[in-house]
mmCIF file of all heavy atoms, coordinates in Angstrom:
data_MODEL
# 
_entry.id   MODEL 
# 
loop_
_atom_site.group_PDB 
_atom_site.id 
_atom_site.type_symbol 
_atom_site.label_atom_id 
_atom_site.label_alt_id 
_atom_site.label_comp_id 
_atom_site.label_asym_id 
_atom_site.label_entity_id 
_atom_site.label_seq_id 
_atom_site.pdbx_PDB_ins_code 
_atom_site.Cartn_x 
_atom_site.Cartn_y 
_atom_site.Cartn_z 
_atom_site.occupancy 
_atom_site.B_iso_or_equiv 
_atom_site.pdbx_formal_charge 
_atom_site.auth_seq_id 
_atom_site.auth_comp_id 
_atom_site.auth_asym_id 
_atom_site.auth_atom_id 
_atom_site.pdbx_PDB_model_num 
ATOM 1   N N   . MET A 1 1  ? 47.956 -36.109 -291.277 1.00 0.00 ? 1  MET A N   1 
ATOM 2   C CA  . MET A 1 1  ? 48.623 -35.786 -292.553 1.00 0.00 ? 1  MET A CA  1 
ATOM 3   C C   . MET A 1 1  ? 49.771 -36.736 -292.826 1.00 0.00 ? 1  MET A C   1 
ATOM 4   O O   . MET A 1 1  ? 50.350 -37.325 -291.905 1.00 0.00 ? 1  MET A O   1 
ATOM 5   C CB  . MET A 1 1  ? 49.127 -34.296 -292.471 1.00 0.00 ? 1  MET A CB  1 
ATOM 6   C CG  . MET A 1 1  ? 48.045 -33.316 -292.273 1.00 0.00 ? 1  MET A CG  1 
ATOM 7   S SD  . MET A 1 1  ? 46.771 -33.358 -293.548 1.00 0.00 ? 1  MET A SD  1 
ATOM 8   C CE  . MET A 1 1  ? 45.697 -32.008 -293.001 1.00 0.00 ? 1  MET A CE  1 
ATOM 9   N N   . VAL A 1 2  ? 50.163 -36.808 -294.091 1.00 0.00 ? 2  VAL A N   1 
ATOM 10  C CA  . VAL A 1 2  ? 51.180 -37.687 -294.497 1.00 0.00 ? 2  VAL A CA  1 
ATOM 11  C C   . VAL A 1 2  ? 52.460 -37.207 -293.818 1.00 0.00 ? 2  VAL A C   1 
ATOM 12  O O   . VAL A 1 2  ? 53.318 -38.220 -293.345 1.00 0.00 ? 2  VAL A O   1 
ATOM 13  C CB  . VAL A 1 2  ? 51.341 -37.678 -296.046 1.00 0.00 ? 2  VAL A CB  1 
ATOM 14  C CG1 . VAL A 1 2  ? 52.747 -38.300 -296.540 1.00 0.00 ? 2  VAL A CG1 1 
ATOM 15  C CG2 . VAL A 1 2  ? 50.243 -38.301 -296.714 1.00 0.00 ? 2  VAL A CG2 1 
ATOM 16  N N   . LEU A 1 3  ? 52.698 -36.059 -293.568 1.00 0.00 ? 3  LEU A N   1 
ATOM 17  C CA  . LEU A 1 3  ? 53.915 -35.484 -292.930 1.00 0.00 ? 3  LEU A CA  1 
ATOM 18  C C   . LEU A 1 3  ? 53.957 -36.078 -291.485 1.00 0.00 ? 3  LEU A C   1 
ATOM 19  O O   . LEU A 1 3  ? 55.044 -36.477 -290.988 1.00 0.00 ? 3  LEU A O   1 
ATOM 20  C CB  . LEU A 1 3  ? 54.067 -34.086 -292.888 1.00 0.00 ? 3  LEU A CB  1 
ATOM 21  C CG  . LEU A 1 3  ? 55.244 -33.473 -292.258 1.00 0.00 ? 3  LEU A CG  1 
ATOM 22  C CD1 . LEU A 1 3  ? 56.566 -33.854 -293.029 1.00 0.00 ? 3  LEU A CD1 1 
ATOM 23  C CD2 . LEU A 1 3  ? 55.176 -31.902 -292.301 1.00 0.00 ? 3  LEU A CD2 1 
ATOM 24  N N   . ASP A 1 4  ? 52.783 -36.131 -290.787 1.00 0.00 ? 4  ASP A N   1 
ATOM 25  C CA  . ASP A 1 4  ? 52.772 -36.773 -289.523 1.00 0.00 ? 4  ASP A CA  1 
ATOM 26  C C   . ASP A 1 4  ? 53.217 -38.165 -289.537 1.00 0.00 ? 4  ASP A C   1 
ATOM 27  O O   . ASP A 1 4  ? 53.957 -38.638 -288.579 1.00 0.00 ? 4  ASP A O   1 
ATOM 28  C CB  . ASP A 1 4  ? 51.234 -36.644 -288.873 1.00 0.00 ? 4  ASP A CB  1 
ATOM 29  C CG  . ASP A 1 4  ? 50.854 -35.240 -288.699 1.00 0.00 ? 4  ASP A CG  1 
ATOM 30  O OD1 . ASP A 1 4  ? 51.607 -34.452 -288.201 1.00 0.00 ? 4  ASP A OD1 1 
ATOM 31  O OD2 . ASP A 1 4  ? 49.684 -34.966 -289.161 1.00 0.00 ? 4  ASP A OD2 1 
ATOM 32  N N   . ALA A 1 5  ? 52.801 -38.943 -290.564 1.00 0.00 ? 5  ALA A N   1 
ATOM 33  C CA  . ALA A 1 5  ? 53.204 -40.318 -290.605 1.00 0.00 ? 5  ALA A CA  1 
ATOM 34  C C   . ALA A 1 5  ? 54.803 -40.525 -290.885 1.00 0.00 ? 5  ALA A C   1 
ATOM 35  O O   . ALA A 1 5  ? 55.381 -41.272 -290.260 1.00 0.00 ? 5  ALA A O   1 
ATOM 36  C CB  . ALA A 1 5  ? 52.497 -41.035 -291.767 1.00 0.00 ? 5  ALA A CB  1 
ATOM 37  N N   . LEU A 1 6  ? 55.289 -39.588 -291.779 1.00 0.00 ? 6  LEU A N   1 
ATOM 38  C CA  . LEU A 1 6  ? 56.730 -39.582 -292.009 1.00 0.00 ? 6  LEU A CA  1 
ATOM 39  C C   . LEU A 1 6  ? 57.455 -39.296 -290.698 1.00 0.00 ? 6  LEU A C   1 
ATOM 40  O O   . LEU A 1 6  ? 58.463 -39.956 -290.419 1.00 0.00 ? 6  LEU A O   1 
ATOM 41  C CB  . LEU A 1 6  ? 57.011 -38.532 -293.076 1.00 0.00 ? 6  LEU A CB  1 
ATOM 42  C CG  . LEU A 1 6  ? 56.558 -39.006 -294.473 1.00 0.00 ? 6  LEU A CG  1 
ATOM 43  C CD1 . LEU A 1 6  ? 56.871 -37.791 -295.530 1.00 0.00 ? 6  LEU A CD1 1 
ATOM 44  C CD2 . LEU A 1 6  ? 57.259 -40.181 -294.979 1.00 0.00 ? 6  LEU A CD2 1 
ATOM 45  N N   . ILE A 1 7  ? 57.081 -38.322 -289.973 1.00 0.00 ? 7  ILE A N   1 
ATOM 46  C CA  . ILE A 1 7  ? 57.787 -37.945 -288.679 1.00 0.00 ? 7  ILE A CA  1 
ATOM 47  C C   . ILE A 1 7  ? 57.713 -39.067 -287.739 1.00 0.00 ? 7  ILE A C   1 
ATOM 48  O O   . ILE A 1 7  ? 58.675 -39.392 -287.090 1.00 0.00 ? 7  ILE A O   1 
ATOM 49  C CB  . ILE A 1 7  ? 57.121 -36.625 -288.119 1.00 0.00 ? 7  ILE A CB  1 
ATOM 50  C CG1 . ILE A 1 7  ? 57.413 -35.438 -289.049 1.00 0.00 ? 7  ILE A CG1 1 
ATOM 51  C CG2 . ILE A 1 7  ? 57.660 -36.387 -286.692 1.00 0.00 ? 7  ILE A CG2 1 
ATOM 52  C CD1 . ILE A 1 7  ? 56.853 -34.172 -288.695 1.00 0.00 ? 7  ILE A CD1 1 
ATOM 53  N N   . LYS A 1 8  ? 56.554 -39.713 -287.608 1.00 0.00 ? 8  LYS A N   1 
ATOM 54  C CA  . LYS A 1 8  ? 56.304 -40.858 -286.741 1.00 0.00 ? 8  LYS A CA  1 
ATOM 55  C C   . LYS A 1 8  ? 57.279 -42.006 -287.087 1.00 0.00 ? 8  LYS A C   1 
ATOM 56  O O   . LYS A 1 8  ? 57.906 -42.649 -286.209 1.00 0.00 ? 8  LYS A O   1 
ATOM 57  C CB  . LYS A 1 8  ? 54.907 -41.314 -286.743 1.00 0.00 ? 8  LYS A CB  1 
ATOM 58  C CG  . LYS A 1 8  ? 54.640 -42.529 -285.740 1.00 0.00 ? 8  LYS A CG  1 
ATOM 59  C CD  . LYS A 1 8  ? 53.096 -42.866 -285.799 1.00 0.00 ? 8  LYS A CD  1 
ATOM 60  C CE  . LYS A 1 8  ? 52.848 -44.028 -284.766 1.00 0.00 ? 8  LYS A CE  1 
ATOM 61  N NZ  . LYS A 1 8  ? 53.169 -43.701 -283.386 1.00 0.00 ? 8  LYS A NZ  1 
ATOM 62  N N   . ILE A 1 9  ? 57.365 -42.329 -288.444 1.00 0.00 ? 9  ILE A N   1 
ATOM 63  C CA  . ILE A 1 9  ? 58.221 -43.400 -288.932 1.00 0.00 ? 9  ILE A CA  1 
ATOM 64  C C   . ILE A 1 9  ? 59.690 -42.954 -288.603 1.00 0.00 ? 9  ILE A C   1 
ATOM 65  O O   . ILE A 1 9  ? 60.476 -43.879 -288.106 1.00 0.00 ? 9  ILE A O   1 
ATOM 66  C CB  . ILE A 1 9  ? 58.087 -43.583 -290.415 1.00 0.00 ? 9  ILE A CB  1 
ATOM 67  C CG1 . ILE A 1 9  ? 56.641 -44.229 -290.609 1.00 0.00 ? 9  ILE A CG1 1 
ATOM 68  C CG2 . ILE A 1 9  ? 59.160 -44.515 -290.919 1.00 0.00 ? 9  ILE A CG2 1 
ATOM 69  C CD1 . ILE A 1 9  ? 56.310 -44.102 -292.112 1.00 0.00 ? 9  ILE A CD1 1 
ATOM 70  N N   . LYS A 1 10 ? 60.072 -41.796 -288.778 1.00 0.00 ? 10 LYS A N   1 
ATOM 71  C CA  . LYS A 1 10 ? 61.438 -41.382 -288.464 1.00 0.00 ? 10 LYS A CA  1 
ATOM 72  C C   . LYS A 1 10 ? 61.793 -41.398 -287.031 1.00 0.00 ? 10 LYS A C   1 
ATOM 73  O O   . LYS A 1 10 ? 62.893 -41.835 -286.632 1.00 0.00 ? 10 LYS A O   1 
ATOM 74  C CB  . LYS A 1 10 ? 61.716 -39.990 -289.086 1.00 0.00 ? 10 LYS A CB  1 
ATOM 75  C CG  . LYS A 1 10 ? 63.108 -39.517 -288.953 1.00 0.00 ? 10 LYS A CG  1 
ATOM 76  C CD  . LYS A 1 10 ? 63.416 -38.214 -289.626 1.00 0.00 ? 10 LYS A CD  1 
ATOM 77  C CE  . LYS A 1 10 ? 64.883 -37.740 -289.462 1.00 0.00 ? 10 LYS A CE  1 
ATOM 78  N NZ  . LYS A 1 10 ? 65.779 -38.549 -290.092 1.00 0.00 ? 10 LYS A NZ  1 
ATOM 79  N N   . ASN A 1 11 ? 60.907 -40.946 -286.157 1.00 0.00 ? 11 ASN A N   1 
ATOM 80  C CA  . ASN A 1 11 ? 61.060 -40.882 -284.722 1.00 0.00 ? 11 ASN A CA  1 
ATOM 81  C C   . ASN A 1 11 ? 60.992 -42.237 -284.035 1.00 0.00 ? 11 ASN A C   1 
ATOM 82  O O   . ASN A 1 11 ? 61.746 -42.493 -283.128 1.00 0.00 ? 11 ASN A O   1 
ATOM 83  C CB  . ASN A 1 11 ? 60.096 -40.002 -284.139 1.00 0.00 ? 11 ASN A CB  1 
ATOM 84  C CG  . ASN A 1 11 ? 60.329 -38.531 -284.355 1.00 0.00 ? 11 ASN A CG  1 
ATOM 85  O OD1 . ASN A 1 11 ? 61.399 -38.200 -284.913 1.00 0.00 ? 11 ASN A OD1 1 
ATOM 86  N ND2 . ASN A 1 11 ? 59.367 -37.682 -284.137 1.00 0.00 ? 11 ASN A ND2 1 
ATOM 87  N N   . GLU A 1 12 ? 60.162 -43.223 -284.497 1.00 0.00 ? 12 GLU A N   1 
ATOM 88  C CA  . GLU A 1 12 ? 59.938 -44.432 -283.782 1.00 0.00 ? 12 GLU A CA  1 
ATOM 89  C C   . GLU A 1 12 ? 60.413 -45.688 -284.442 1.00 0.00 ? 12 GLU A C   1 
ATOM 90  O O   . GLU A 1 12 ? 60.507 -46.753 -283.832 1.00 0.00 ? 12 GLU A O   1 
ATOM 91  C CB  . GLU A 1 12 ? 58.454 -44.567 -283.449 1.00 0.00 ? 12 GLU A CB  1 
ATOM 92  C CG  . GLU A 1 12 ? 57.867 -43.338 -282.766 1.00 0.00 ? 12 GLU A CG  1 
ATOM 93  C CD  . GLU A 1 12 ? 56.372 -43.430 -282.460 1.00 0.00 ? 12 GLU A CD  1 
ATOM 94  O OE1 . GLU A 1 12 ? 55.840 -44.490 -282.785 1.00 0.00 ? 12 GLU A OE1 1 
ATOM 95  O OE2 . GLU A 1 12 ? 55.761 -42.420 -282.030 1.00 0.00 ? 12 GLU A OE2 1 
ATOM 96  N N   . ILE A 1 13 ? 60.522 -45.595 -285.788 1.00 0.00 ? 13 ILE A N   1 
ATOM 97  C CA  . ILE A 1 13 ? 60.810 -46.840 -286.568 1.00 0.00 ? 13 ILE A CA  1 
ATOM 98  C C   . ILE A 1 13 ? 62.297 -46.796 -287.152 1.00 0.00 ? 13 ILE A C   1 
ATOM 99  O O   . ILE A 1 13 ? 63.097 -47.687 -286.956 1.00 0.00 ? 13 ILE A O   1 
ATOM 100 C CB  . ILE A 1 13 ? 59.761 -47.186 -287.645 1.00 0.00 ? 13 ILE A CB  1 
ATOM 101 C CG1 . ILE A 1 13 ? 58.446 -47.277 -286.856 1.00 0.00 ? 13 ILE A CG1 1 
ATOM 102 C CG2 . ILE A 1 13 ? 60.119 -48.480 -288.346 1.00 0.00 ? 13 ILE A CG2 1 
ATOM 103 C CD1 . ILE A 1 13 ? 57.319 -47.534 -287.877 1.00 0.00 ? 13 ILE A CD1 1 
ATOM 104 N N   . ASP A 1 14 ? 62.519 -45.839 -288.036 1.00 0.00 ? 14 ASP A N   1 
ATOM 105 C CA  . ASP A 1 14 ? 63.737 -45.736 -288.847 1.00 0.00 ? 14 ASP A CA  1 
ATOM 106 C C   . ASP A 1 14 ? 64.278 -44.290 -288.869 1.00 0.00 ? 14 ASP A C   1 
ATOM 107 O O   . ASP A 1 14 ? 63.898 -43.460 -289.561 1.00 0.00 ? 14 ASP A O   1 
ATOM 108 C CB  . ASP A 1 14 ? 63.440 -46.230 -290.213 1.00 0.00 ? 14 ASP A CB  1 
ATOM 109 C CG  . ASP A 1 14 ? 64.696 -46.366 -291.058 1.00 0.00 ? 14 ASP A CG  1 
ATOM 110 O OD1 . ASP A 1 14 ? 65.830 -45.896 -290.569 1.00 0.00 ? 14 ASP A OD1 1 
ATOM 111 O OD2 . ASP A 1 14 ? 64.653 -47.006 -292.145 1.00 0.00 ? 14 ASP A OD2 1 
ATOM 112 N N   . PRO A 1 15 ? 65.208 -43.931 -287.938 1.00 0.00 ? 15 PRO A N   1 
ATOM 113 C CA  . PRO A 1 15 ? 65.764 -42.590 -287.887 1.00 0.00 ? 15 PRO A CA  1 
ATOM 114 C C   . PRO A 1 15 ? 66.547 -42.199 -289.106 1.00 0.00 ? 15 PRO A C   1 
ATOM 115 O O   . PRO A 1 15 ? 66.885 -41.087 -289.306 1.00 0.00 ? 15 PRO A O   1 
ATOM 116 C CB  . PRO A 1 15 ? 66.622 -42.645 -286.596 1.00 0.00 ? 15 PRO A CB  1 
ATOM 117 C CG  . PRO A 1 15 ? 66.755 -44.050 -286.277 1.00 0.00 ? 15 PRO A CG  1 
ATOM 118 C CD  . PRO A 1 15 ? 65.717 -44.849 -286.841 1.00 0.00 ? 15 PRO A CD  1 
ATOM 119 N N   . SER A 1 16 ? 66.920 -43.289 -289.958 1.00 0.00 ? 16 SER A N   1 
ATOM 120 C CA  . SER A 1 16 ? 67.663 -42.941 -291.126 1.00 0.00 ? 16 SER A CA  1 
ATOM 121 C C   . SER A 1 16 ? 66.828 -42.414 -292.240 1.00 0.00 ? 16 SER A C   1 
ATOM 122 O O   . SER A 1 16 ? 67.468 -41.913 -293.287 1.00 0.00 ? 16 SER A O   1 
ATOM 123 C CB  . SER A 1 16 ? 68.426 -44.144 -291.605 1.00 0.00 ? 16 SER A CB  1 
ATOM 124 O OG  . SER A 1 16 ? 67.532 -45.141 -292.147 1.00 0.00 ? 16 SER A OG  1 
ATOM 125 N N   . LEU A 1 17 ? 65.493 -42.364 -292.158 1.00 0.00 ? 17 LEU A N   1 
ATOM 126 C CA  . LEU A 1 17 ? 64.654 -41.930 -293.204 1.00 0.00 ? 17 LEU A CA  1 
ATOM 127 C C   . LEU A 1 17 ? 64.903 -40.337 -293.369 1.00 0.00 ? 17 LEU A C   1 
ATOM 128 O O   . LEU A 1 17 ? 64.896 -39.649 -292.320 1.00 0.00 ? 17 LEU A O   1 
ATOM 129 C CB  . LEU A 1 17 ? 63.169 -42.142 -292.859 1.00 0.00 ? 17 LEU A CB  1 
ATOM 130 C CG  . LEU A 1 17 ? 62.154 -41.504 -293.816 1.00 0.00 ? 17 LEU A CG  1 
ATOM 131 C CD1 . LEU A 1 17 ? 62.280 -42.169 -295.169 1.00 0.00 ? 17 LEU A CD1 1 
ATOM 132 C CD2 . LEU A 1 17 ? 60.662 -41.879 -293.309 1.00 0.00 ? 17 LEU A CD2 1 
ATOM 133 N N   . THR A 1 18 ? 65.089 -39.824 -294.600 1.00 0.00 ? 18 THR A N   1 
ATOM 134 C CA  . THR A 1 18 ? 65.484 -38.524 -294.846 1.00 0.00 ? 18 THR A CA  1 
ATOM 135 C C   . THR A 1 18 ? 64.482 -37.801 -295.659 1.00 0.00 ? 18 THR A C   1 
ATOM 136 O O   . THR A 1 18 ? 63.991 -38.331 -296.780 1.00 0.00 ? 18 THR A O   1 
ATOM 137 C CB  . THR A 1 18 ? 66.814 -38.382 -295.598 1.00 0.00 ? 18 THR A CB  1 
ATOM 138 O OG1 . THR A 1 18 ? 67.757 -39.075 -294.722 1.00 0.00 ? 18 THR A OG1 1 
ATOM 139 C CG2 . THR A 1 18 ? 67.268 -36.877 -295.748 1.00 0.00 ? 18 THR A CG2 1 
ATOM 140 N N   . PHE A 1 19 ? 63.916 -36.639 -295.256 1.00 0.00 ? 19 PHE A N   1 
ATOM 141 C CA  . PHE A 1 19 ? 63.005 -35.798 -296.026 1.00 0.00 ? 19 PHE A CA  1 
ATOM 142 C C   . PHE A 1 19 ? 63.115 -34.380 -295.564 1.00 0.00 ? 19 PHE A C   1 
ATOM 143 O O   . PHE A 1 19 ? 63.643 -34.153 -294.442 1.00 0.00 ? 19 PHE A O   1 
ATOM 144 C CB  . PHE A 1 19 ? 61.572 -36.372 -295.898 1.00 0.00 ? 19 PHE A CB  1 
ATOM 145 C CG  . PHE A 1 19 ? 61.172 -36.447 -294.478 1.00 0.00 ? 19 PHE A CG  1 
ATOM 146 C CD1 . PHE A 1 19 ? 60.465 -35.496 -293.876 1.00 0.00 ? 19 PHE A CD1 1 
ATOM 147 C CD2 . PHE A 1 19 ? 61.332 -37.683 -293.793 1.00 0.00 ? 19 PHE A CD2 1 
ATOM 148 C CE1 . PHE A 1 19 ? 59.965 -35.641 -292.504 1.00 0.00 ? 19 PHE A CE1 1 
ATOM 149 C CE2 . PHE A 1 19 ? 60.866 -37.827 -292.465 1.00 0.00 ? 19 PHE A CE2 1 
ATOM 150 C CZ  . PHE A 1 19 ? 60.129 -36.804 -291.844 1.00 0.00 ? 19 PHE A CZ  1 
ATOM 151 N N   . ARG A 1 20 ? 62.700 -33.516 -296.358 1.00 0.00 ? 20 ARG A N   1 
ATOM 152 C CA  . ARG A 1 20 ? 62.655 -32.090 -295.999 1.00 0.00 ? 20 ARG A CA  1 
ATOM 153 C C   . ARG A 1 20 ? 61.337 -31.680 -295.300 1.00 0.00 ? 20 ARG A C   1 
ATOM 154 O O   . ARG A 1 20 ? 60.232 -32.205 -295.790 1.00 0.00 ? 20 ARG A O   1 
ATOM 155 C CB  . ARG A 1 20 ? 62.850 -31.129 -297.221 1.00 0.00 ? 20 ARG A CB  1 
ATOM 156 C CG  . ARG A 1 20 ? 64.245 -31.159 -297.727 1.00 0.00 ? 20 ARG A CG  1 
ATOM 157 C CD  . ARG A 1 20 ? 64.457 -30.053 -298.828 1.00 0.00 ? 20 ARG A CD  1 
ATOM 158 N NE  . ARG A 1 20 ? 65.689 -30.013 -299.365 1.00 0.00 ? 20 ARG A NE  1 
ATOM 159 C CZ  . ARG A 1 20 ? 66.090 -30.441 -300.548 1.00 0.00 ? 20 ARG A CZ  1 
ATOM 160 N NH1 . ARG A 1 20 ? 65.211 -30.868 -301.361 1.00 0.00 ? 20 ARG A NH1 1 
ATOM 161 N NH2 . ARG A 1 20 ? 67.377 -30.287 -300.902 1.00 0.00 ? 20 ARG A NH2 1 
ATOM 162 N N   . ARG A 1 21 ? 61.372 -30.851 -294.357 1.00 0.00 ? 21 ARG A N   1 
ATOM 163 C CA  . ARG A 1 21 ? 60.157 -30.326 -293.834 1.00 0.00 ? 21 ARG A CA  1 
ATOM 164 C C   . ARG A 1 21 ? 60.510 -29.025 -292.963 1.00 0.00 ? 21 ARG A C   1 
ATOM 165 O O   . ARG A 1 21 ? 61.632 -28.951 -292.440 1.00 0.00 ? 21 ARG A O   1 
ATOM 166 C CB  . ARG A 1 21 ? 59.392 -31.342 -292.932 1.00 0.00 ? 21 ARG A CB  1 
ATOM 167 C CG  . ARG A 1 21 ? 60.234 -31.976 -291.899 1.00 0.00 ? 21 ARG A CG  1 
ATOM 168 C CD  . ARG A 1 21 ? 59.585 -31.666 -290.509 1.00 0.00 ? 21 ARG A CD  1 
ATOM 169 N NE  . ARG A 1 21 ? 60.276 -32.267 -289.411 1.00 0.00 ? 21 ARG A NE  1 
ATOM 170 C CZ  . ARG A 1 21 ? 60.237 -31.842 -288.164 1.00 0.00 ? 21 ARG A CZ  1 
ATOM 171 N NH1 . ARG A 1 21 ? 59.498 -30.803 -287.864 1.00 0.00 ? 21 ARG A NH1 1 
ATOM 172 N NH2 . ARG A 1 21 ? 60.836 -32.471 -287.190 1.00 0.00 ? 21 ARG A NH2 1 
ATOM 173 N N   . SER A 1 22 ? 59.547 -28.180 -292.755 1.00 0.00 ? 22 SER A N   1 
ATOM 174 C CA  . SER A 1 22 ? 59.851 -26.962 -291.944 1.00 0.00 ? 22 SER A CA  1 
ATOM 175 C C   . SER A 1 22 ? 58.505 -26.555 -291.257 1.00 0.00 ? 22 SER A C   1 
ATOM 176 O O   . SER A 1 22 ? 58.397 -26.772 -290.069 1.00 0.00 ? 22 SER A O   1 
ATOM 177 C CB  . SER A 1 22 ? 60.450 -25.916 -292.809 1.00 0.00 ? 22 SER A CB  1 
ATOM 178 O OG  . SER A 1 22 ? 60.762 -24.764 -292.011 1.00 0.00 ? 22 SER A OG  1 
ATOM 179 N N   . CYS A 1 23 ? 57.689 -25.856 -292.095 1.00 0.00 ? 23 CYS A N   1 
ATOM 180 C CA  . CYS A 1 23 ? 56.540 -24.962 -291.402 1.00 0.00 ? 23 CYS A CA  1 
ATOM 181 C C   . CYS A 1 23 ? 55.431 -25.807 -290.905 1.00 0.00 ? 23 CYS A C   1 
ATOM 182 O O   . CYS A 1 23 ? 54.691 -25.527 -290.027 1.00 0.00 ? 23 CYS A O   1 
ATOM 183 C CB  . CYS A 1 23 ? 56.182 -23.886 -292.255 1.00 0.00 ? 23 CYS A CB  1 
ATOM 184 S SG  . CYS A 1 23 ? 55.150 -24.472 -293.722 1.00 0.00 ? 23 CYS A SG  1 
ATOM 185 N N   . ARG A 1 24 ? 55.082 -26.992 -291.693 1.00 0.00 ? 24 ARG A N   1 
ATOM 186 C CA  . ARG A 1 24 ? 53.978 -27.834 -291.388 1.00 0.00 ? 24 ARG A CA  1 
ATOM 187 C C   . ARG A 1 24 ? 52.629 -27.107 -291.625 1.00 0.00 ? 24 ARG A C   1 
ATOM 188 O O   . ARG A 1 24 ? 51.628 -27.469 -291.200 1.00 0.00 ? 24 ARG A O   1 
ATOM 189 C CB  . ARG A 1 24 ? 54.003 -28.425 -290.096 1.00 0.00 ? 24 ARG A CB  1 
ATOM 190 C CG  . ARG A 1 24 ? 55.202 -29.145 -289.707 1.00 0.00 ? 24 ARG A CG  1 
ATOM 191 C CD  . ARG A 1 24 ? 55.084 -29.894 -288.283 1.00 0.00 ? 24 ARG A CD  1 
ATOM 192 N NE  . ARG A 1 24 ? 54.058 -30.886 -288.239 1.00 0.00 ? 24 ARG A NE  1 
ATOM 193 C CZ  . ARG A 1 24 ? 53.941 -31.659 -287.257 1.00 0.00 ? 24 ARG A CZ  1 
ATOM 194 N NH1 . ARG A 1 24 ? 54.851 -31.724 -286.349 1.00 0.00 ? 24 ARG A NH1 1 
ATOM 195 N NH2 . ARG A 1 24 ? 52.981 -32.628 -287.262 1.00 0.00 ? 24 ARG A NH2 1 
ATOM 196 N N   . GLU A 1 25 ? 52.670 -25.919 -292.387 1.00 0.00 ? 25 GLU A N   1 
ATOM 197 C CA  . GLU A 1 25 ? 51.486 -25.146 -292.575 1.00 0.00 ? 25 GLU A CA  1 
ATOM 198 C C   . GLU A 1 25 ? 51.276 -24.754 -294.117 1.00 0.00 ? 25 GLU A C   1 
ATOM 199 O O   . GLU A 1 25 ? 50.472 -23.968 -294.481 1.00 0.00 ? 25 GLU A O   1 
ATOM 200 C CB  . GLU A 1 25 ? 51.653 -23.843 -291.847 1.00 0.00 ? 25 GLU A CB  1 
ATOM 201 C CG  . GLU A 1 25 ? 51.669 -23.925 -290.359 1.00 0.00 ? 25 GLU A CG  1 
ATOM 202 C CD  . GLU A 1 25 ? 50.391 -24.387 -289.766 1.00 0.00 ? 25 GLU A CD  1 
ATOM 203 O OE1 . GLU A 1 25 ? 49.286 -24.314 -290.352 1.00 0.00 ? 25 GLU A OE1 1 
ATOM 204 O OE2 . GLU A 1 25 ? 50.374 -24.890 -288.539 1.00 0.00 ? 25 GLU A OE2 1 
ATOM 205 N N   . GLY A 1 26 ? 52.008 -25.566 -294.988 1.00 0.00 ? 26 GLY A N   1 
ATOM 206 C CA  . GLY A 1 26 ? 51.774 -25.241 -296.452 1.00 0.00 ? 26 GLY A CA  1 
ATOM 207 C C   . GLY A 1 26 ? 52.325 -23.936 -296.886 1.00 0.00 ? 26 GLY A C   1 
ATOM 208 O O   . GLY A 1 26 ? 51.828 -23.357 -297.841 1.00 0.00 ? 26 GLY A O   1 
ATOM 209 N N   . ILE A 1 27 ? 53.335 -23.462 -296.212 1.00 0.00 ? 27 ILE A N   1 
ATOM 210 C CA  . ILE A 1 27 ? 53.857 -22.066 -296.455 1.00 0.00 ? 27 ILE A CA  1 
ATOM 211 C C   . ILE A 1 27 ? 55.307 -22.143 -296.956 1.00 0.00 ? 27 ILE A C   1 
ATOM 212 O O   . ILE A 1 27 ? 55.649 -21.380 -297.979 1.00 0.00 ? 27 ILE A O   1 
ATOM 213 C CB  . ILE A 1 27 ? 53.901 -21.214 -295.251 1.00 0.00 ? 27 ILE A CB  1 
ATOM 214 C CG1 . ILE A 1 27 ? 52.459 -21.000 -294.694 1.00 0.00 ? 27 ILE A CG1 1 
ATOM 215 C CG2 . ILE A 1 27 ? 54.521 -19.801 -295.517 1.00 0.00 ? 27 ILE A CG2 1 
ATOM 216 C CD1 . ILE A 1 27 ? 51.477 -20.309 -295.640 1.00 0.00 ? 27 ILE A CD1 1 
# 
């Protein structure tokens, strides 16, 4: 999923990337 890519980018490439996320289940 796109959210997986965003989390990977934030964790491994650029920790300054900012976005909202919570449940990861469409809820």
